[in-house]
All heavy atoms as atom14 arrays in JSON, in Angstrom:
{
  "sequence": "ADAVRPQVGGFPYLAEALRQAGVTRCRMAVPSNAMLYVTDAG",
  "atom14_mask": [
    [1, 1, 1, 1, 1, 0, 0, 0, 0, 0, 0, 0, 0, 0],
    [1, 1, 1, 1, 1, 1, 1, 1, 0, 0, 0, 0, 0, 0],
    [1, 1, 1, 1, 1, 0, 0, 0, 0, 0, 0, 0, 0, 0],
    [1, 1, 1, 1, 1, 1, 1, 0, 0, 0, 0, 0, 0, 0],
    [1, 1, 1, 1, 1, 1, 1, 1, 1, 1, 1, 0, 0, 0],
    [1, 1, 1, 1, 1, 1, 1, 0, 0, 0, 0, 0, 0, 0],
    [1, 1, 1, 1, 1, 1, 1, 1, 1, 0, 0, 0, 0, 0],
    [1, 1, 1, 1, 1, 1, 1, 0, 0, 0, 0, 0, 0, 0],
    [1, 1, 1, 1, 0, 0, 0, 0, 0, 0, 0, 0, 0, 0],
    [1, 1, 1, 1, 0, 0, 0, 0, 0, 0, 0, 0, 0, 0],
    [1, 1, 1, 1, 1, 1, 1, 1, 1, 1, 1, 0, 0, 0],
    [1, 1, 1, 1, 1, 1, 1, 0, 0, 0, 0, 0, 0, 0],
    [1, 1, 1, 1, 1, 1, 1, 1, 1, 1, 1, 1, 0, 0],
    [1, 1, 1, 1, 1, 1, 1, 1, 0, 0, 0, 0, 0, 0],
    [1, 1, 1, 1, 1, 0, 0, 0, 0, 0, 0, 0, 0, 0],
    [1, 1, 1, 1, 1, 1, 1, 1, 1, 0, 0, 0, 0, 0],
    [1, 1, 1, 1, 1, 0, 0, 0, 0, 0, 0, 0, 0, 0],
    [1, 1, 1, 1, 1, 1, 1, 1, 0, 0, 0, 0, 0, 0],
    [1, 1, 1, 1, 1, 1, 1, 1, 1, 1, 1, 0, 0, 0],
    [1, 1, 1, 1, 1, 1, 1, 1, 1, 0, 0, 0, 0, 0],
    [1, 1, 1, 1, 1, 0, 0, 0, 0, 0, 0, 0, 0, 0],
    [1, 1, 1, 1, 0, 0, 0, 0, 0, 0, 0, 0, 0, 0],
    [1, 1, 1, 1, 1, 1, 1, 0, 0, 0, 0, 0, 0, 0],
    [1, 1, 1, 1, 1, 1, 1, 0, 0, 0, 0, 0, 0, 0],
    [1, 1, 1, 1, 1, 1, 1, 1, 1, 1, 1, 0, 0, 0],
    [1, 1, 1, 1, 1, 1, 0, 0, 0, 0, 0, 0, 0, 0],
    [1, 1, 1, 1, 1, 1, 1, 1, 1, 1, 1, 0, 0, 0],
    [1, 1, 1, 1, 1, 1, 1, 1, 0, 0, 0, 0, 0, 0],
    [1, 1, 1, 1, 1, 0, 0, 0, 0, 0, 0, 0, 0, 0],
    [1, 1, 1, 1, 1, 1, 1, 0, 0, 0, 0, 0, 0, 0],
    [1, 1, 1, 1, 1, 1, 1, 0, 0, 0, 0, 0, 0, 0],
    [1, 1, 1, 1, 1, 1, 0, 0, 0, 0, 0, 0, 0, 0],
    [1, 1, 1, 1, 1, 1, 1, 1, 0, 0, 0, 0, 0, 0],
    [1, 1, 1, 1, 1, 0, 0, 0, 0, 0, 0, 0, 0, 0],
    [1, 1, 1, 1, 1, 1, 1, 1, 0, 0, 0, 0, 0, 0],
    [1, 1, 1, 1, 1, 1, 1, 1, 0, 0, 0, 0, 0, 0],
    [1, 1, 1, 1, 1, 1, 1, 1, 1, 1, 1, 1, 0, 0],
    [1, 1, 1, 1, 1, 1, 1, 0, 0, 0, 0, 0, 0, 0],
    [1, 1, 1, 1, 1, 1, 1, 0, 0, 0, 0, 0, 0, 0],
    [1, 1, 1, 1, 1, 1, 1, 1, 0, 0, 0, 0, 0, 0],
    [1, 1, 1, 1, 1, 0, 0, 0, 0, 0, 0, 0, 0, 0],
    [1, 1, 1, 1, 0, 0, 0, 0, 0, 0, 0, 0, 0, 0]
  ],
  "atom14_positions": [
    [[-46.48, -29.87, -37.48], [-45.98, -29.03, -38.53], [-47.05, -28.08, -39.15], [-46.75, -26.82, -39.28], [-45.28, -29.94, -39.6], [0.0, 0.0, 0.0], [0.0, 0.0, 0.0], [0.0, 0.0, 0.0], [0.0, 0.0, 0.0], [0.0, 0.0, 0.0], [0.0, 0.0, 0.0], [0.0, 0.0, 0.0], [0.0, 0.0, 0.0], [0.0, 0.0, 0.0]],
    [[-48.14, -28.56, -39.36], [-49.34, -27.79, -39.92], [-49.62, -26.7, -39.01], [-49.99, -25.67, -39.48], [-50.51, -28.74, -40.21], [-50.38, -29.47, -41.52], [-49.54, -29.32, -42.34], [-51.16, -30.44, -41.61], [0.0, 0.0, 0.0], [0.0, 0.0, 0.0], [0.0, 0.0, 0.0], [0.0, 0.0, 0.0], [0.0, 0.0, 0.0], [0.0, 0.0, 0.0]],
    [[-49.59, -26.95, -37.7], [-49.93, -25.88, -36.72], [-48.92, -24.72, -36.58], [-49.31, -23.64, -36.26], [-50.2, -26.56, -35.36], [0.0, 0.0, 0.0], [0.0, 0.0, 0.0], [0.0, 0.0, 0.0], [0.0, 0.0, 0.0], [0.0, 0.0, 0.0], [0.0, 0.0, 0.0], [0.0, 0.0, 0.0], [0.0, 0.0, 0.0], [0.0, 0.0, 0.0]],
    [[-47.63, -25.05, -36.85], [-46.57, -24.06, -36.65], [-45.9, -23.5, -37.81], [-45.28, -22.55, -37.69], [-45.49, -24.57, -35.58], [-46.1, -25.0, -34.31], [-44.75, -25.79, -36.26], [0.0, 0.0, 0.0], [0.0, 0.0, 0.0], [0.0, 0.0, 0.0], [0.0, 0.0, 0.0], [0.0, 0.0, 0.0], [0.0, 0.0, 0.0], [0.0, 0.0, 0.0]],
    [[-45.99, -24.2, -38.94], [-45.2, -23.79, -40.09], [-45.92, -22.57, -40.77], [-47.09, -22.61, -41.0], [-44.89, -24.85, -40.99], [-46.06, -25.37, -41.9], [-45.55, -26.55, -42.72], [-46.47, -26.84, -43.85], [-46.28, -27.72, -44.73], [-45.22, -28.48, -44.67], [-47.1, -27.84, -45.72], [0.0, 0.0, 0.0], [0.0, 0.0, 0.0], [0.0, 0.0, 0.0]],
    [[-44.99, -21.57, -41.17], [-45.56, -20.41, -41.86], [-45.94, -20.86, -43.42], [-45.54, -21.82, -43.9], [-44.33, -19.49, -41.86], [-43.21, -20.22, -41.8], [-43.59, -21.49, -40.99], [0.0, 0.0, 0.0], [0.0, 0.0, 0.0], [0.0, 0.0, 0.0], [0.0, 0.0, 0.0], [0.0, 0.0, 0.0], [0.0, 0.0, 0.0], [0.0, 0.0, 0.0]],
    [[-46.78, -19.93, -43.97], [-47.22, -20.17, -45.3], [-45.98, -20.05, -46.29], [-45.9, -20.74, -47.27], [-48.22, -18.98, -45.68], [-48.66, -19.03, -47.16], [-49.69, -20.18, -47.4], [-50.24, -20.7, -46.44], [-49.78, -20.76, -48.62], [0.0, 0.0, 0.0], [0.0, 0.0, 0.0], [0.0, 0.0, 0.0], [0.0, 0.0, 0.0], [0.0, 0.0, 0.0]],
    [[-45.08, -19.1, -45.96], [-43.92, -18.99, -46.9], [-42.65, -19.61, -46.1], [-42.46, -19.46, -44.94], [-43.55, -17.55, -47.12], [-42.17, -17.31, -47.82], [-44.74, -16.86, -47.84], [0.0, 0.0, 0.0], [0.0, 0.0, 0.0], [0.0, 0.0, 0.0], [0.0, 0.0, 0.0], [0.0, 0.0, 0.0], [0.0, 0.0, 0.0], [0.0, 0.0, 0.0]],
    [[-41.8, -20.49, -46.8], [-40.7, -21.12, -46.19], [-41.08, -22.15, -45.09], [-40.38, -22.38, -44.23], [0.0, 0.0, 0.0], [0.0, 0.0, 0.0], [0.0, 0.0, 0.0], [0.0, 0.0, 0.0], [0.0, 0.0, 0.0], [0.0, 0.0, 0.0], [0.0, 0.0, 0.0], [0.0, 0.0, 0.0], [0.0, 0.0, 0.0], [0.0, 0.0, 0.0]],
    [[-42.11, -22.85, -45.29], [-42.65, -23.87, -44.34], [-42.05, -25.2, -44.36], [-42.04, -25.84, -43.2], [0.0, 0.0, 0.0], [0.0, 0.0, 0.0], [0.0, 0.0, 0.0], [0.0, 0.0, 0.0], [0.0, 0.0, 0.0], [0.0, 0.0, 0.0], [0.0, 0.0, 0.0], [0.0, 0.0, 0.0], [0.0, 0.0, 0.0], [0.0, 0.0, 0.0]],
    [[-41.29, -25.63, -45.37], [-40.75, -26.91, -45.36], [-39.87, -27.32, -44.18], [-39.89, -28.29, -43.7], [-40.09, -27.24, -46.74], [-39.4, -28.65, -46.67], [-40.17, -29.78, -46.77], [-37.97, -28.74, -46.43], [-39.58, -30.97, -46.72], [-37.38, -29.97, -46.5], [-38.15, -31.15, -46.55], [0.0, 0.0, 0.0], [0.0, 0.0, 0.0], [0.0, 0.0, 0.0]],
    [[-38.83, -26.41, -43.87], [-37.96, -26.71, -42.68], [-38.67, -27.0, -41.52], [-38.26, -27.78, -40.62], [-37.1, -25.48, -42.58], [-37.15, -24.89, -43.97], [-38.51, -25.13, -44.53], [0.0, 0.0, 0.0], [0.0, 0.0, 0.0], [0.0, 0.0, 0.0], [0.0, 0.0, 0.0], [0.0, 0.0, 0.0], [0.0, 0.0, 0.0], [0.0, 0.0, 0.0]],
    [[-39.82, -26.51, -41.24], [-40.7, -26.72, -40.05], [-41.3, -28.05, -40.02], [-41.27, -28.87, -39.05], [-41.72, -25.67, -39.92], [-41.29, -24.27, -39.61], [-40.77, -23.47, -40.73], [-41.03, -23.81, -38.35], [-40.28, -22.19, -40.41], [-40.51, -22.56, -38.02], [-40.05, -21.74, -39.09], [-39.5, -20.49, -38.85], [0.0, 0.0, 0.0], [0.0, 0.0, 0.0]],
    [[-41.71, -28.46, -41.27], [-42.31, -29.88, -41.47], [-41.09, -30.93, -41.11], [-41.24, -31.86, -40.46], [-42.84, -30.04, -42.89], [-43.17, -31.51, -43.32], [-44.16, -32.07, -42.37], [-43.61, -31.45, -44.78], [0.0, 0.0, 0.0], [0.0, 0.0, 0.0], [0.0, 0.0, 0.0], [0.0, 0.0, 0.0], [0.0, 0.0, 0.0], [0.0, 0.0, 0.0]],
    [[-39.91, -30.46, -41.81], [-38.82, -31.43, -41.72], [-38.27, -31.56, -40.2], [-38.05, -32.71, -39.72], [-37.6, -30.98, -42.63], [0.0, 0.0, 0.0], [0.0, 0.0, 0.0], [0.0, 0.0, 0.0], [0.0, 0.0, 0.0], [0.0, 0.0, 0.0], [0.0, 0.0, 0.0], [0.0, 0.0, 0.0], [0.0, 0.0, 0.0], [0.0, 0.0, 0.0]],
    [[-38.35, -30.49, -39.51], [-37.91, -30.56, -38.16], [-38.96, -31.34, -37.27], [-38.56, -32.04, -36.43], [-37.76, -29.15, -37.56], [-37.28, -29.14, -36.07], [-35.98, -29.8, -35.83], [-35.26, -30.18, -36.73], [-35.63, -30.21, -34.65], [0.0, 0.0, 0.0], [0.0, 0.0, 0.0], [0.0, 0.0, 0.0], [0.0, 0.0, 0.0], [0.0, 0.0, 0.0]],
    [[-40.22, -31.12, -37.55], [-41.15, -31.93, -36.84], [-41.1, -33.39, -37.05], [-41.17, -34.24, -36.13], [-42.71, -31.43, -37.14], [0.0, 0.0, 0.0], [0.0, 0.0, 0.0], [0.0, 0.0, 0.0], [0.0, 0.0, 0.0], [0.0, 0.0, 0.0], [0.0, 0.0, 0.0], [0.0, 0.0, 0.0], [0.0, 0.0, 0.0], [0.0, 0.0, 0.0]],
    [[-40.76, -33.72, -38.33], [-40.6, -35.18, -38.67], [-39.37, -35.69, -38.02], [-39.32, -36.83, -37.35], [-40.48, -35.24, -40.13], [-41.68, -35.07, -41.01], [-41.41, -35.04, -42.48], [-42.9, -35.98, -40.71], [0.0, 0.0, 0.0], [0.0, 0.0, 0.0], [0.0, 0.0, 0.0], [0.0, 0.0, 0.0], [0.0, 0.0, 0.0], [0.0, 0.0, 0.0]],
    [[-38.2, -34.95, -38.01], [-36.95, -35.36, -37.39], [-37.19, -35.62, -35.88], [-36.79, -36.54, -35.34], [-35.9, -34.26, -37.59], [-34.49, -34.66, -37.19], [-33.55, -33.68, -37.16], [-33.89, -32.66, -36.18], [-33.64, -32.88, -34.8], [-33.08, -34.05, -34.34], [-33.96, -31.89, -34.01], [0.0, 0.0, 0.0], [0.0, 0.0, 0.0], [0.0, 0.0, 0.0]],
    [[-37.89, -34.65, -35.17], [-38.12, -34.86, -33.8], [-39.04, -35.89, -33.41], [-39.0, -36.54, -32.4], [-38.7, -33.49, -33.28], [-37.73, -32.41, -33.2], [-38.37, -31.16, -32.55], [-39.57, -31.07, -32.1], [-37.59, -30.06, -32.59], [0.0, 0.0, 0.0], [0.0, 0.0, 0.0], [0.0, 0.0, 0.0], [0.0, 0.0, 0.0], [0.0, 0.0, 0.0]],
    [[-39.88, -36.52, -34.55], [-40.7, -37.62, -34.28], [-39.95, -38.98, -34.59], [-40.64, -39.92, -34.53], [-42.03, -37.5, -35.14], [0.0, 0.0, 0.0], [0.0, 0.0, 0.0], [0.0, 0.0, 0.0], [0.0, 0.0, 0.0], [0.0, 0.0, 0.0], [0.0, 0.0, 0.0], [0.0, 0.0, 0.0], [0.0, 0.0, 0.0], [0.0, 0.0, 0.0]],
    [[-38.64, -38.83, -35.01], [-37.9, -40.04, -35.34], [-37.81, -40.5, -36.74], [-37.27, -41.53, -37.08], [0.0, 0.0, 0.0], [0.0, 0.0, 0.0], [0.0, 0.0, 0.0], [0.0, 0.0, 0.0], [0.0, 0.0, 0.0], [0.0, 0.0, 0.0], [0.0, 0.0, 0.0], [0.0, 0.0, 0.0], [0.0, 0.0, 0.0], [0.0, 0.0, 0.0]],
    [[-38.24, -39.59, -37.64], [-38.08, -39.81, -39.05], [-36.59, -39.45, -39.38], [-36.12, -38.41, -39.05], [-39.04, -38.95, -39.87], [-38.83, -39.18, -41.36], [-40.51, -39.35, -39.6], [0.0, 0.0, 0.0], [0.0, 0.0, 0.0], [0.0, 0.0, 0.0], [0.0, 0.0, 0.0], [0.0, 0.0, 0.0], [0.0, 0.0, 0.0], [0.0, 0.0, 0.0]],
    [[-35.93, -40.37, -40.14], [-34.6, -40.1, -40.5], [-34.33, -39.77, -42.04], [-33.56, -39.02, -42.33], [-33.73, -41.42, -40.22], [-34.21, -42.45, -40.86], [-33.53, -41.58, -38.74], [0.0, 0.0, 0.0], [0.0, 0.0, 0.0], [0.0, 0.0, 0.0], [0.0, 0.0, 0.0], [0.0, 0.0, 0.0], [0.0, 0.0, 0.0], [0.0, 0.0, 0.0]],
    [[-35.27, -40.42, -42.8], [-35.23, -40.05, -44.23], [-36.54, -40.18, -44.79], [-37.48, -40.91, -44.33], [-34.43, -41.26, -44.96], [-32.93, -41.18, -44.77], [-32.22, -42.16, -45.47], [-32.74, -43.42, -45.77], [-32.64, -44.54, -44.87], [-31.98, -44.37, -43.79], [-33.22, -45.57, -45.21], [0.0, 0.0, 0.0], [0.0, 0.0, 0.0], [0.0, 0.0, 0.0]],
    [[-36.89, -39.5, -45.98], [-38.1, -39.61, -46.53], [-37.65, -39.77, -48.18], [-36.71, -39.04, -48.54], [-38.89, -38.28, -46.63], [-39.26, -37.69, -44.97], [0.0, 0.0, 0.0], [0.0, 0.0, 0.0], [0.0, 0.0, 0.0], [0.0, 0.0, 0.0], [0.0, 0.0, 0.0], [0.0, 0.0, 0.0], [0.0, 0.0, 0.0], [0.0, 0.0, 0.0]],
    [[-38.48, -40.58, -48.9], [-38.16, -40.75, -50.28], [-39.59, -40.57, -51.06], [-40.55, -41.26, -50.59], [-37.59, -42.22, -50.62], [-36.25, -42.27, -49.89], [-35.68, -43.66, -50.27], [-34.53, -44.04, -49.58], [-34.17, -45.22, -49.07], [-35.07, -46.15, -49.29], [-33.05, -45.37, -48.3], [0.0, 0.0, 0.0], [0.0, 0.0, 0.0], [0.0, 0.0, 0.0]],
    [[-39.39, -39.99, -52.13], [-40.69, -39.7, -52.94], [-40.4, -40.29, -54.23], [-39.4, -40.03, -54.92], [-41.13, -38.25, -53.11], [-41.92, -37.84, -54.2], [-43.62, -38.44, -53.95], [-44.37, -37.16, -53.04], [0.0, 0.0, 0.0], [0.0, 0.0, 0.0], [0.0, 0.0, 0.0], [0.0, 0.0, 0.0], [0.0, 0.0, 0.0], [0.0, 0.0, 0.0]],
    [[-41.28, -41.16, -54.74], [-41.31, -41.73, -56.1], [-42.33, -40.7, -56.83], [-43.57, -40.87, -56.77], [-41.72, -43.06, -56.1], [0.0, 0.0, 0.0], [0.0, 0.0, 0.0], [0.0, 0.0, 0.0], [0.0, 0.0, 0.0], [0.0, 0.0, 0.0], [0.0, 0.0, 0.0], [0.0, 0.0, 0.0], [0.0, 0.0, 0.0], [0.0, 0.0, 0.0]],
    [[-41.82, -39.77, -57.52], [-42.63, -38.71, -58.16], [-43.76, -39.3, -59.06], [-44.94, -38.89, -58.81], [-41.82, -37.59, -58.82], [-42.71, -36.64, -59.48], [-41.0, -36.83, -57.76], [0.0, 0.0, 0.0], [0.0, 0.0, 0.0], [0.0, 0.0, 0.0], [0.0, 0.0, 0.0], [0.0, 0.0, 0.0], [0.0, 0.0, 0.0], [0.0, 0.0, 0.0]],
    [[-43.51, -40.09, -60.08], [-44.54, -40.52, -60.97], [-45.78, -41.17, -60.27], [-46.9, -40.92, -60.52], [-44.04, -41.47, -61.97], [-42.51, -41.21, -61.82], [-42.31, -40.72, -60.46], [0.0, 0.0, 0.0], [0.0, 0.0, 0.0], [0.0, 0.0, 0.0], [0.0, 0.0, 0.0], [0.0, 0.0, 0.0], [0.0, 0.0, 0.0], [0.0, 0.0, 0.0]],
    [[-45.47, -41.97, -59.25], [-46.56, -42.62, -58.5], [-47.02, -41.88, -57.27], [-48.04, -42.15, -56.73], [-45.99, -44.0, -57.93], [-44.99, -43.77, -57.04], [0.0, 0.0, 0.0], [0.0, 0.0, 0.0], [0.0, 0.0, 0.0], [0.0, 0.0, 0.0], [0.0, 0.0, 0.0], [0.0, 0.0, 0.0], [0.0, 0.0, 0.0], [0.0, 0.0, 0.0]],
    [[-46.34, -40.66, -56.96], [-46.72, -39.78, -55.81], [-46.8, -40.64, -54.63], [-47.76, -40.54, -53.82], [-48.04, -39.16, -56.18], [-48.24, -37.96, -55.33], [-47.36, -37.46, -54.54], [-49.42, -37.44, -55.26], [0.0, 0.0, 0.0], [0.0, 0.0, 0.0], [0.0, 0.0, 0.0], [0.0, 0.0, 0.0], [0.0, 0.0, 0.0], [0.0, 0.0, 0.0]],
    [[-45.74, -41.49, -54.39], [-45.84, -42.36, -53.18], [-44.53, -41.91, -52.28], [-43.41, -41.74, -52.88], [-45.63, -43.75, -53.58], [0.0, 0.0, 0.0], [0.0, 0.0, 0.0], [0.0, 0.0, 0.0], [0.0, 0.0, 0.0], [0.0, 0.0, 0.0], [0.0, 0.0, 0.0], [0.0, 0.0, 0.0], [0.0, 0.0, 0.0], [0.0, 0.0, 0.0]],
    [[-44.79, -41.75, -51.08], [-43.77, -41.22, -50.17], [-43.39, -42.33, -49.15], [-44.37, -43.02, -48.76], [-44.17, -40.06, -49.39], [-43.24, -39.41, -48.46], [-41.85, -38.62, -49.21], [-42.51, -37.03, -49.55], [0.0, 0.0, 0.0], [0.0, 0.0, 0.0], [0.0, 0.0, 0.0], [0.0, 0.0, 0.0], [0.0, 0.0, 0.0], [0.0, 0.0, 0.0]],
    [[-42.21, -42.51, -48.94], [-41.68, -43.49, -47.81], [-40.98, -42.74, -46.79], [-40.07, -42.05, -47.03], [-40.75, -44.47, -48.43], [-40.14, -45.48, -47.51], [-41.1, -46.41, -46.99], [-38.84, -46.21, -48.21], [0.0, 0.0, 0.0], [0.0, 0.0, 0.0], [0.0, 0.0, 0.0], [0.0, 0.0, 0.0], [0.0, 0.0, 0.0], [0.0, 0.0, 0.0]],
    [[-41.47, -42.94, -45.51], [-40.99, -42.36, -44.42], [-40.15, -43.42, -43.72], [-40.77, -44.32, -43.19], [-41.94, -41.68, -43.52], [-42.63, -40.51, -44.18], [-43.84, -40.71, -44.88], [-42.16, -39.23, -44.14], [-44.59, -39.63, -45.48], [-42.88, -38.15, -44.65], [-44.05, -38.43, -45.33], [-44.73, -37.4, -46.01], [0.0, 0.0, 0.0], [0.0, 0.0, 0.0]],
    [[-38.81, -43.19, -43.53], [-37.96, -44.13, -42.76], [-38.02, -43.61, -41.3], [-37.39, -42.51, -41.09], [-36.72, -44.37, -43.3], [-35.87, -45.42, -42.49], [-36.81, -44.85, -44.79], [0.0, 0.0, 0.0], [0.0, 0.0, 0.0], [0.0, 0.0, 0.0], [0.0, 0.0, 0.0], [0.0, 0.0, 0.0], [0.0, 0.0, 0.0], [0.0, 0.0, 0.0]],
    [[-38.47, -44.28, -40.21], [-38.44, -43.86, -38.9], [-37.85, -44.82, -37.98], [-37.7, -46.04, -38.3], [-40.04, -43.57, -38.41], [-40.53, -44.88, -37.98], [-40.92, -43.11, -39.53], [0.0, 0.0, 0.0], [0.0, 0.0, 0.0], [0.0, 0.0, 0.0], [0.0, 0.0, 0.0], [0.0, 0.0, 0.0], [0.0, 0.0, 0.0], [0.0, 0.0, 0.0]],
    [[-37.54, -44.49, -36.74], [-36.88, -45.29, -35.87], [-37.81, -46.31, -35.22], [-37.46, -47.3, -34.61], [-36.25, -44.53, -34.75], [-37.1, -43.46, -33.94], [-38.24, -43.67, -34.07], [-36.49, -42.72, -33.17], [0.0, 0.0, 0.0], [0.0, 0.0, 0.0], [0.0, 0.0, 0.0], [0.0, 0.0, 0.0], [0.0, 0.0, 0.0], [0.0, 0.0, 0.0]],
    [[-39.18, -46.11, -35.56], [-40.28, -47.1, -35.21], [-40.7, -47.96, -36.37], [-41.63, -48.71, -36.19], [-41.4, -46.33, -34.57], [0.0, 0.0, 0.0], [0.0, 0.0, 0.0], [0.0, 0.0, 0.0], [0.0, 0.0, 0.0], [0.0, 0.0, 0.0], [0.0, 0.0, 0.0], [0.0, 0.0, 0.0], [0.0, 0.0, 0.0], [0.0, 0.0, 0.0]],
    [[-39.93, -47.85, -37.49], [-40.3, -48.58, -38.65], [-40.64, -47.65, -39.84], [-41.12, -46.58, -39.73], [0.0, 0.0, 0.0], [0.0, 0.0, 0.0], [0.0, 0.0, 0.0], [0.0, 0.0, 0.0], [0.0, 0.0, 0.0], [0.0, 0.0, 0.0], [0.0, 0.0, 0.0], [0.0, 0.0, 0.0], [0.0, 0.0, 0.0], [0.0, 0.0, 0.0]]
  ]
}
């Protein structure tokens, strides 16, 4: 995603790269700045 996404409007490119890698959901706990990626590999 870092290699292909544009500076403006880049989130959809990150999301698509994650989706293609088997990520189904992401959850962010904002105060703790902790991200959980739910993938088909765990």
